[in-house]
Amino acid sequence: MDTSMTRSAGPAFDALEVRSDFPLLSETIHGKPLVYLDNAASTQKPRAVIDAVSNFYCHSYSNVHRGVHALSVRATEAYEGARDTMRDFLGAADRKEIVFVRGTTEGINLVAQGMTGSMGPGDEVLISGLEHHSNIVPWQMLCERTGAKLQVARIDDSGEVDLDEYRRLLSPRTRIVAMSHISNALGTVNPVKEMIALARAAGSLTLVDGAQAAAHMPIDVQDLDADFYTISSHKMFGPSGIGVLYGKQARLEALPPYQGGGDMILSVTFEKTTYNELPYRFEAGTPCIEAAVGMGVAARYLMDLGFDRIEPYESRLLQDATDVLRQVPDVQLIGTARNKASVISFTLGDIHSHDVGTIVDSEAVAIRVGHHCAQPVMDRFGVSSTCRASLAMYNTLDDVKRLAEALHKVREVFRL
C-alpha cells in the first residue's frame, strides 16, 4: 500500500501506524472501509485521548478549584496540568496567558467583546478576505456597537492575501488586525509573522485564528509576536467544546471580564465584585474539565509525534494528492496558493457540490461540501460552494485515490 512516506530529521513517518491509534478510522461505512477526508471540519480522536477522558470520568471527576476533598484536588491538578501542556504547545511565556474557552470562535468573541469600551467612530478593524465567519462576524458586531469600520484586505486569484493592499489599509486608525493562520476553505498559509510585524509597526494589536494550524505545524506565539492566538481542541485530535485563547499577559489584563460568575471572582457583595487574577477572570462557571484534560493529551500526542515529522509528510501528501485530483476530468481546483496546507477545495464540472458529496459518501469517502463558513471566499471565486478534501497525518495517498475513484463514479452518474 502506498503511504507516501517522507523522511525528515527523525525516523520515517508511518501514517498507517499513526492511523492504528484512531479507533473510528477502522469503521466501515455502507459496507466499505472508511476514508475520512473531513479533517478541517473536525479530526478523529486517538485512543490516548479517548482513554484519558474515560479515565478522568472513572477515577478523577469532580468540580475544580473550589473543593478541598481528594477528588476535587485530583481534578484540579489534571485541569491545571492541561493548561501547562497548552502553554508548552503554544510556546507561551506564562500559564497565566492560557485561557480555556469553548473553542476558537469563543476566543475571538472574547477579544472582540472586550475591546468594545476602548473603540469608537474613526477606529478600524482589519481582516482578510480569507476569513471564516467566526473571524468576520464578531468584528462586524464590534463595529456595530462602537461605530468603528471594518476593513478587508482582498485575496488574489490564487487565494493569497494581497500584501500590498494589506500594507495600504494599515494605518494609525487600525486598532486590531485579525487573520487566519491557515484558511479553512482553501488551505492558504498566511505569512502571519510578516503580517503581525507590519501591524505592530502601525501600532495595531493582532489576533490569529489558529484553528486550522494547530494540527499541522508548530506554533510559537512568542516568535510570532501575536497579541492573541486562539485554537480549538476538536481540530487537533482532542475533544469538542474546549479550546484555548492565548493572550500576552498585559493584553489580557487590559480586557474586562467576558462573563460573570463562578471562579472568575475573588469576592462578591451586592455593592462590588472583585475579579480573580489571570487566567481565571475569563473562565466563568464550571469549565468543560474532561475536555480540557483530553485537549492536553492531544497536544502531548502531537508533540511526541513531532511536527518535524508530521509537517514534511503532510506537505508531500498534499502535493501528491493535488496531482491525483488534477487528473480527474472536470475537476477545477479553487485556491492554488504557493504555500498551502492540508486542504484541497474543488468543483466538479457543473455538478452541485452536495450531489458530489452524496455520491462520494456512498463510496465511504467523507468530504465536506458547501461554503465552509466562508461565504465571502466563495463569492470571490464566483461559486456558491466547493467540495473540500482536508488531510491529516493519518491519511495516505490511497485515501485520495479512493476519492478520485469516487469522483469518476460521480461523472458516470451525471454522464460527464
Protein backbone atom coordinates (compact mmCIF):
# COMPACT_ATOMS: atom_id res chain seq x y z
CA MET A 1 0.00 0.00 0.00
CA ASP A 2 1.29 3.43 -0.95
CA THR A 3 1.54 5.65 2.13
CA SER A 4 3.52 8.48 0.50
CA MET A 5 6.06 8.42 3.30
CA THR A 6 8.71 11.09 3.55
CA ARG A 7 11.71 11.36 5.76
CA SER A 8 12.67 14.26 7.98
CA ALA A 9 15.33 14.67 10.63
CA GLY A 10 13.68 11.86 12.60
CA PRO A 11 12.63 8.33 11.57
CA ALA A 12 10.25 7.81 8.67
CA PHE A 13 6.71 8.92 9.39
CA ASP A 14 4.39 5.92 9.14
CA ALA A 15 0.83 7.15 8.58
CA LEU A 16 -0.54 3.62 8.85
CA GLU A 17 0.99 3.19 12.28
CA VAL A 18 -0.50 6.52 13.37
CA ARG A 19 -3.84 5.53 11.87
CA SER A 20 -3.95 2.47 14.13
CA ASP A 21 -4.16 4.84 17.12
CA PHE A 22 -7.57 6.10 15.94
CA PRO A 23 -10.36 3.56 16.53
CA LEU A 24 -13.00 5.25 14.37
CA LEU A 25 -10.80 5.06 11.27
CA SER A 26 -11.31 1.29 11.20
CA GLU A 27 -15.08 1.72 10.75
CA THR A 28 -16.91 0.55 7.66
CA ILE A 29 -19.49 2.83 6.02
CA HIS A 30 -22.01 1.42 3.54
CA GLY A 31 -20.09 -1.85 3.81
CA LYS A 32 -16.79 -0.29 2.74
CA PRO A 33 -13.68 0.83 4.68
CA LEU A 34 -13.99 4.46 5.74
CA VAL A 35 -11.85 7.14 4.12
CA TYR A 36 -12.04 10.24 6.30
CA LEU A 37 -11.12 13.45 4.47
CA ASP A 38 -13.06 15.99 6.54
CA ASN A 39 -10.34 16.93 8.98
CA ALA A 40 -10.67 20.69 8.53
CA ALA A 41 -14.18 20.39 9.99
CA SER A 42 -13.13 18.11 12.85
CA THR A 43 -10.46 15.49 13.40
CA GLN A 44 -10.80 11.98 14.79
CA LYS A 45 -9.52 11.10 18.27
CA PRO A 46 -6.63 8.82 19.20
CA ARG A 47 -7.11 6.13 21.80
CA ALA A 48 -4.88 8.09 24.19
CA VAL A 49 -7.40 10.95 24.25
CA ILE A 50 -10.40 8.63 24.50
CA ASP A 51 -8.78 6.74 27.38
CA ALA A 52 -7.80 9.95 29.17
CA VAL A 53 -11.37 11.27 29.12
CA SER A 54 -12.77 7.89 30.16
CA ASN A 55 -10.23 7.51 32.98
CA PHE A 56 -10.97 11.02 34.21
CA TYR A 57 -14.67 10.18 34.45
CA CYS A 58 -13.96 6.86 36.12
CA HIS A 59 -11.32 7.94 38.63
CA SER A 60 -10.97 11.73 38.98
CA TYR A 61 -14.21 13.51 38.14
CA SER A 62 -15.20 16.37 40.40
CA ASN A 63 -15.50 20.12 40.09
CA VAL A 64 -12.26 22.07 40.09
CA HIS A 65 -10.70 24.79 42.24
CA ARG A 66 -13.40 25.10 44.89
CA GLY A 67 -13.17 21.76 46.67
CA VAL A 68 -10.81 20.51 49.37
CA HIS A 69 -11.70 16.83 49.11
CA ALA A 70 -9.39 14.42 47.30
CA LEU A 71 -11.37 14.13 44.07
CA SER A 72 -11.59 17.89 43.63
CA VAL A 73 -7.87 18.21 44.22
CA ARG A 74 -7.22 15.42 41.71
CA ALA A 75 -9.48 17.03 39.10
CA THR A 76 -7.91 20.43 39.63
CA GLU A 77 -4.43 19.01 39.18
CA ALA A 78 -5.48 17.35 35.90
CA TYR A 79 -7.17 20.52 34.63
CA GLU A 80 -4.29 22.80 35.51
CA GLY A 81 -1.83 20.24 34.18
CA ALA A 82 -3.59 20.53 30.83
CA ARG A 83 -3.10 24.30 31.00
CA ASP A 84 0.63 23.79 31.46
CA THR A 85 0.71 21.44 28.47
CA MET A 86 -1.08 24.01 26.30
CA ARG A 87 1.41 26.67 27.42
CA ASP A 88 4.19 24.43 26.13
CA PHE A 89 2.28 23.57 22.95
CA LEU A 90 1.82 27.23 22.02
CA GLY A 91 5.16 28.46 23.34
CA ALA A 92 3.58 30.95 25.75
CA ALA A 93 5.73 32.69 28.32
CA ASP A 94 3.42 32.03 31.28
CA ARG A 95 0.49 29.78 32.16
CA LYS A 96 -1.49 32.93 33.03
CA GLU A 97 -1.63 33.59 29.29
CA ILE A 98 -3.60 30.38 28.58
CA VAL A 99 -7.36 30.88 28.88
CA PHE A 100 -9.64 27.90 28.36
CA VAL A 101 -12.57 28.77 26.11
CA ARG A 102 -15.13 26.68 24.21
CA GLY A 103 -13.11 26.99 21.03
CA THR A 104 -11.63 29.42 18.53
CA THR A 105 -14.99 31.11 17.99
CA GLU A 106 -15.37 31.98 21.66
CA GLY A 107 -11.74 33.10 21.83
CA ILE A 108 -12.32 35.62 19.04
CA ASN A 109 -15.60 36.77 20.57
CA LEU A 110 -13.94 37.24 23.96
CA VAL A 111 -11.39 39.65 22.49
CA ALA A 112 -13.94 41.46 20.30
CA GLN A 113 -16.33 41.91 23.21
CA GLY A 114 -13.51 43.06 25.48
CA MET A 115 -12.46 45.80 23.07
CA THR A 116 -15.93 47.40 22.98
CA GLY A 117 -15.19 50.04 25.60
CA SER A 118 -11.92 51.15 24.01
CA MET A 119 -13.13 51.72 20.44
CA GLY A 120 -15.33 54.24 18.69
CA PRO A 121 -16.02 56.07 15.43
CA GLY A 122 -12.85 56.58 13.42
CA ASP A 123 -11.28 53.34 14.65
CA GLU A 124 -10.81 50.42 12.27
CA VAL A 125 -10.59 46.63 12.37
CA LEU A 126 -8.62 44.96 9.57
CA ILE A 127 -9.24 41.39 8.43
CA SER A 128 -8.51 39.49 5.22
CA GLY A 129 -10.79 38.17 2.52
CA LEU A 130 -9.85 34.60 3.54
CA GLU A 131 -11.60 34.57 6.88
CA HIS A 132 -14.00 32.05 8.37
CA HIS A 133 -17.31 33.56 9.50
CA SER A 134 -16.07 33.28 13.09
CA ASN A 135 -13.35 35.79 12.27
CA ILE A 136 -15.73 38.13 10.45
CA VAL A 137 -18.99 38.32 12.37
CA PRO A 138 -17.57 39.16 15.84
CA TRP A 139 -15.71 42.12 14.31
CA GLN A 140 -18.81 43.25 12.44
CA MET A 141 -20.67 43.16 15.75
CA LEU A 142 -17.89 45.14 17.42
CA CYS A 143 -18.09 47.77 14.67
CA GLU A 144 -21.88 47.95 15.03
CA ARG A 145 -21.52 48.51 18.79
CA THR A 146 -18.82 51.15 18.54
CA GLY A 147 -19.15 52.88 15.18
CA ALA A 148 -15.75 51.56 14.08
CA LYS A 149 -15.15 50.48 10.48
CA LEU A 150 -14.32 47.02 9.19
CA GLN A 151 -11.61 46.95 6.53
CA VAL A 152 -10.90 43.88 4.38
CA ALA A 153 -7.65 43.09 2.54
CA ARG A 154 -8.62 41.29 -0.66
CA ILE A 155 -7.24 37.99 -1.88
CA ASP A 156 -5.87 37.30 -5.37
CA ASP A 157 -6.81 34.61 -7.88
CA SER A 158 -4.61 32.03 -6.15
CA GLY A 159 -6.21 32.63 -2.76
CA GLU A 160 -3.36 34.63 -1.23
CA VAL A 161 -3.81 37.86 0.69
CA ASP A 162 -2.77 40.90 -1.33
CA LEU A 163 0.02 42.13 0.95
CA ASP A 164 0.33 45.45 -0.89
CA GLU A 165 -3.29 46.23 -0.11
CA TYR A 166 -2.83 44.93 3.43
CA ARG A 167 0.00 47.42 3.93
CA ARG A 168 -2.07 50.21 2.43
CA LEU A 169 -5.03 49.51 4.72
CA LEU A 170 -2.90 49.55 7.86
CA SER A 171 -3.00 52.98 9.45
CA PRO A 172 -2.93 54.71 12.84
CA ARG A 173 -6.70 54.11 12.90
CA THR A 174 -6.22 50.31 12.83
CA ARG A 175 -6.88 49.09 16.36
CA ILE A 176 -6.66 45.35 15.70
CA VAL A 177 -5.78 43.05 12.81
CA ALA A 178 -7.43 39.61 12.84
CA MET A 179 -6.13 36.96 10.45
CA SER A 180 -6.30 33.21 9.95
CA HIS A 181 -3.05 31.26 10.10
CA ILE A 182 -4.41 28.74 7.57
CA SER A 183 -7.57 29.20 5.53
CA ASN A 184 -10.15 26.54 6.31
CA ALA A 185 -11.71 26.90 2.84
CA LEU A 186 -8.58 26.97 0.65
CA GLY A 187 -5.66 25.81 2.78
CA THR A 188 -3.69 29.01 2.16
CA VAL A 189 -0.97 29.50 4.78
CA ASN A 190 -0.80 33.20 5.54
CA PRO A 191 2.60 34.86 6.22
CA VAL A 192 1.33 35.71 9.69
CA LYS A 193 4.71 36.60 11.18
CA GLU A 194 5.24 39.24 8.47
CA MET A 195 1.65 40.45 8.79
CA ILE A 196 1.99 40.75 12.55
CA ALA A 197 5.23 42.71 12.23
CA LEU A 198 3.59 45.13 9.79
CA ALA A 199 0.63 45.57 12.12
CA ARG A 200 2.92 46.11 15.09
CA ALA A 201 4.78 48.84 13.18
CA ALA A 202 1.43 50.53 12.56
CA GLY A 203 0.58 50.40 16.26
CA SER A 204 -2.14 47.76 15.95
CA LEU A 205 -2.99 44.77 18.08
CA THR A 206 -3.10 41.36 16.37
CA LEU A 207 -5.22 38.24 16.72
CA VAL A 208 -4.54 34.99 14.86
CA ASP A 209 -7.21 32.37 14.23
CA GLY A 210 -5.07 29.25 14.57
CA ALA A 211 -7.86 26.68 14.36
CA GLN A 212 -6.53 25.09 11.18
CA ALA A 213 -2.85 25.40 12.09
CA ALA A 214 -2.70 23.57 15.41
CA ALA A 215 -2.81 20.07 13.91
CA HIS A 216 -0.35 20.74 11.10
CA MET A 217 2.56 22.91 12.22
CA PRO A 218 4.45 24.00 15.32
CA ILE A 219 3.16 27.21 16.88
CA ASP A 220 5.37 29.60 18.82
CA VAL A 221 3.32 32.61 19.86
CA GLN A 222 6.35 34.43 21.23
CA ASP A 223 8.22 34.05 17.96
CA LEU A 224 5.15 35.20 16.02
CA ASP A 225 4.71 38.10 18.48
CA ALA A 226 0.92 37.77 18.27
CA ASP A 227 -1.08 39.60 20.93
CA PHE A 228 -3.77 36.91 20.78
CA TYR A 229 -3.81 33.42 19.26
CA THR A 230 -6.74 31.04 19.55
CA ILE A 231 -7.28 27.35 18.74
CA SER A 232 -9.90 24.59 19.03
CA SER A 233 -9.28 21.17 20.52
CA HIS A 234 -11.54 19.24 18.14
CA LYS A 235 -9.47 20.30 15.13
CA MET A 236 -6.27 18.92 16.70
CA PHE A 237 -7.45 15.40 17.66
CA GLY A 238 -8.91 16.43 21.02
CA PRO A 239 -12.47 16.61 22.41
CA SER A 240 -15.09 19.10 21.29
CA GLY A 241 -16.24 22.02 23.39
CA ILE A 242 -12.83 23.26 24.52
CA GLY A 243 -10.10 25.47 23.12
CA VAL A 244 -7.51 27.99 24.17
CA LEU A 245 -7.18 31.72 23.85
CA TYR A 246 -3.58 32.76 24.27
CA GLY A 247 -3.04 36.41 25.09
CA LYS A 248 0.01 38.35 26.15
CA GLN A 249 -0.40 38.96 29.85
CA ALA A 250 -0.57 42.74 29.51
CA ARG A 251 -3.17 42.44 26.74
CA LEU A 252 -5.38 40.11 28.75
CA GLU A 253 -5.12 42.34 31.82
CA ALA A 254 -6.37 45.26 29.73
CA LEU A 255 -9.57 43.41 28.78
CA PRO A 256 -12.63 43.45 31.07
CA PRO A 257 -14.12 40.09 32.08
CA TYR A 258 -16.12 38.45 29.33
CA GLN A 259 -18.72 36.67 31.50
CA GLY A 260 -19.59 36.78 35.18
CA GLY A 261 -19.99 34.10 37.80
CA GLY A 262 -18.21 31.17 39.35
CA ASP A 263 -14.45 31.08 39.50
CA MET A 264 -13.85 34.43 37.80
CA ILE A 265 -14.35 36.21 41.14
CA LEU A 266 -12.32 36.72 44.30
CA SER A 267 -15.14 38.25 46.34
CA VAL A 268 -18.73 39.33 45.81
CA THR A 269 -21.01 41.68 47.73
CA PHE A 270 -24.16 43.36 46.50
CA GLU A 271 -22.15 46.53 46.22
CA LYS A 272 -18.99 45.31 44.48
CA THR A 273 -17.28 42.32 42.90
CA THR A 274 -13.53 41.84 42.89
CA TYR A 275 -12.36 39.80 39.92
CA ASN A 276 -9.93 36.91 40.00
CA GLU A 277 -6.42 37.02 38.58
CA LEU A 278 -5.47 35.72 35.15
CA PRO A 279 -6.43 33.42 33.57
CA TYR A 280 -9.40 32.64 35.81
CA ARG A 281 -11.12 36.01 35.39
CA PHE A 282 -12.09 34.82 31.89
CA GLU A 283 -13.25 31.34 32.94
CA ALA A 284 -16.70 31.88 34.44
CA GLY A 285 -18.65 28.87 35.64
CA THR A 286 -17.78 25.20 35.67
CA PRO A 287 -15.47 24.53 32.72
CA CYS A 288 -15.52 21.50 30.44
CA ILE A 289 -12.97 19.83 32.67
CA GLU A 290 -12.75 16.46 30.97
CA ALA A 291 -12.37 18.08 27.55
CA ALA A 292 -9.52 20.26 28.81
CA VAL A 293 -7.79 17.13 30.09
CA GLY A 294 -8.33 15.47 26.70
CA MET A 295 -7.01 18.52 24.85
CA GLY A 296 -3.83 18.39 26.89
CA VAL A 297 -3.37 14.73 25.97
CA ALA A 298 -3.99 15.52 22.27
CA ALA A 299 -1.38 18.28 22.38
CA ARG A 300 1.12 15.95 24.05
CA TYR A 301 0.34 13.28 21.44
CA LEU A 302 1.22 15.74 18.66
CA MET A 303 4.36 16.95 20.41
CA ASP A 304 5.52 13.37 20.95
CA LEU A 305 4.97 12.52 17.26
CA GLY A 306 6.89 15.67 16.33
CA PHE A 307 5.93 18.33 13.84
CA ASP A 308 9.37 17.91 12.28
CA ARG A 309 7.98 14.58 11.03
CA ILE A 310 4.30 15.47 10.58
CA GLU A 311 4.83 18.62 8.52
CA PRO A 312 7.01 17.20 5.72
CA TYR A 313 4.81 14.10 5.45
CA GLU A 314 1.65 16.18 5.06
CA SER A 315 3.34 18.57 2.64
CA ARG A 316 4.33 15.71 0.32
CA LEU A 317 0.91 14.09 0.68
CA LEU A 318 -0.83 17.36 -0.22
CA GLN A 319 1.36 17.73 -3.31
CA ASP A 320 0.74 14.15 -4.45
CA ALA A 321 -2.98 14.36 -3.66
CA THR A 322 -3.32 17.56 -5.67
CA ASP A 323 -1.66 15.85 -8.64
CA VAL A 324 -4.07 12.90 -8.38
CA LEU A 325 -7.19 15.08 -8.28
CA ARG A 326 -5.96 17.25 -11.14
CA GLN A 327 -6.04 14.14 -13.31
CA VAL A 328 -9.79 13.69 -12.76
CA PRO A 329 -11.57 15.27 -15.75
CA ASP A 330 -13.68 18.36 -14.98
CA VAL A 331 -12.08 18.94 -11.57
CA GLN A 332 -11.29 22.61 -11.05
CA LEU A 333 -9.14 23.49 -8.06
CA ILE A 334 -10.18 26.55 -6.07
CA GLY A 335 -7.22 28.07 -4.25
CA THR A 336 -3.73 27.47 -5.59
CA ALA A 337 -1.60 29.49 -3.20
CA ARG A 338 2.15 28.90 -3.24
CA ASN A 339 2.13 27.99 0.44
CA LYS A 340 -0.72 25.64 1.31
CA ALA A 341 -1.55 23.09 3.97
CA SER A 342 -3.99 20.24 4.34
CA VAL A 343 -6.90 21.44 2.15
CA ILE A 344 -7.90 20.78 -1.46
CA SER A 345 -11.02 22.71 -2.47
CA PHE A 346 -12.54 21.94 -5.86
CA THR A 347 -15.59 21.79 -8.09
CA LEU A 348 -16.55 19.00 -10.49
CA GLY A 349 -17.96 20.40 -13.71
CA ASP A 350 -21.35 21.99 -13.10
CA ILE A 351 -22.43 19.31 -10.63
CA HIS A 352 -23.64 20.75 -7.33
CA SER A 353 -21.24 20.02 -4.51
CA HIS A 354 -23.98 18.39 -2.42
CA ASP A 355 -24.61 15.87 -5.19
CA VAL A 356 -20.89 15.18 -5.40
CA GLY A 357 -20.65 14.71 -1.63
CA THR A 358 -23.65 12.37 -1.50
CA ILE A 359 -22.34 10.05 -4.21
CA VAL A 360 -18.82 10.14 -2.79
CA ASP A 361 -20.26 9.19 0.60
CA SER A 362 -21.84 6.10 -0.98
CA GLU A 363 -18.26 5.01 -1.63
CA ALA A 364 -17.45 5.53 2.10
CA VAL A 365 -15.37 8.63 1.42
CA ALA A 366 -16.14 11.53 3.75
CA ILE A 367 -15.51 15.01 2.38
CA ARG A 368 -17.09 18.37 3.23
CA VAL A 369 -19.29 20.25 0.75
CA GLY A 370 -20.77 23.72 0.98
CA HIS A 371 -19.43 27.20 1.65
CA HIS A 372 -17.34 26.03 4.65
CA CYS A 373 -18.46 29.02 6.77
CA ALA A 374 -16.51 31.20 4.36
CA GLN A 375 -19.12 32.65 2.04
CA PRO A 376 -17.03 35.71 1.08
CA VAL A 377 -14.33 33.33 -0.18
CA MET A 378 -16.89 31.53 -2.32
CA ASP A 379 -18.14 34.88 -3.64
CA ARG A 380 -14.58 35.88 -4.52
CA PHE A 381 -14.23 32.83 -6.78
CA GLY A 382 -17.72 33.04 -8.23
CA VAL A 383 -19.00 29.77 -6.79
CA SER A 384 -21.75 29.02 -4.29
CA SER A 385 -19.89 26.10 -2.76
CA THR A 386 -16.99 23.72 -3.21
CA CYS A 387 -16.05 20.16 -2.38
CA ARG A 388 -13.28 20.09 0.22
CA ALA A 389 -10.92 17.22 0.91
CA SER A 390 -8.89 18.01 4.00
CA LEU A 391 -5.97 15.86 5.03
CA ALA A 392 -4.47 14.83 8.35
CA MET A 393 -1.39 12.91 9.38
CA TYR A 394 -3.30 9.60 9.37
CA ASN A 395 -4.30 9.94 5.71
CA THR A 396 -2.45 8.27 2.86
CA LEU A 397 -2.30 8.64 -0.89
CA ASP A 398 -4.53 5.57 -1.14
CA ASP A 399 -7.24 7.58 0.62
CA VAL A 400 -7.01 10.24 -2.07
CA LYS A 401 -7.07 7.61 -4.81
CA ARG A 402 -10.31 6.29 -3.28
CA LEU A 403 -11.69 9.84 -3.55
CA ALA A 404 -10.59 10.07 -7.18
CA GLU A 405 -12.32 6.77 -7.96
CA ALA A 406 -15.48 8.06 -6.29
CA LEU A 407 -15.33 11.23 -8.38
CA HIS A 408 -15.17 9.11 -11.52
CA LYS A 409 -18.38 7.43 -10.33
CA VAL A 410 -19.97 10.87 -9.92
CA ARG A 411 -19.03 11.68 -13.50
CA GLU A 412 -20.60 8.43 -14.69
CA VAL A 413 -23.84 9.14 -12.82
CA PHE A 414 -24.06 12.59 -14.37
CA ARG A 415 -22.71 11.39 -17.73
CA LEU A 416 -19.94 13.94 -17.94
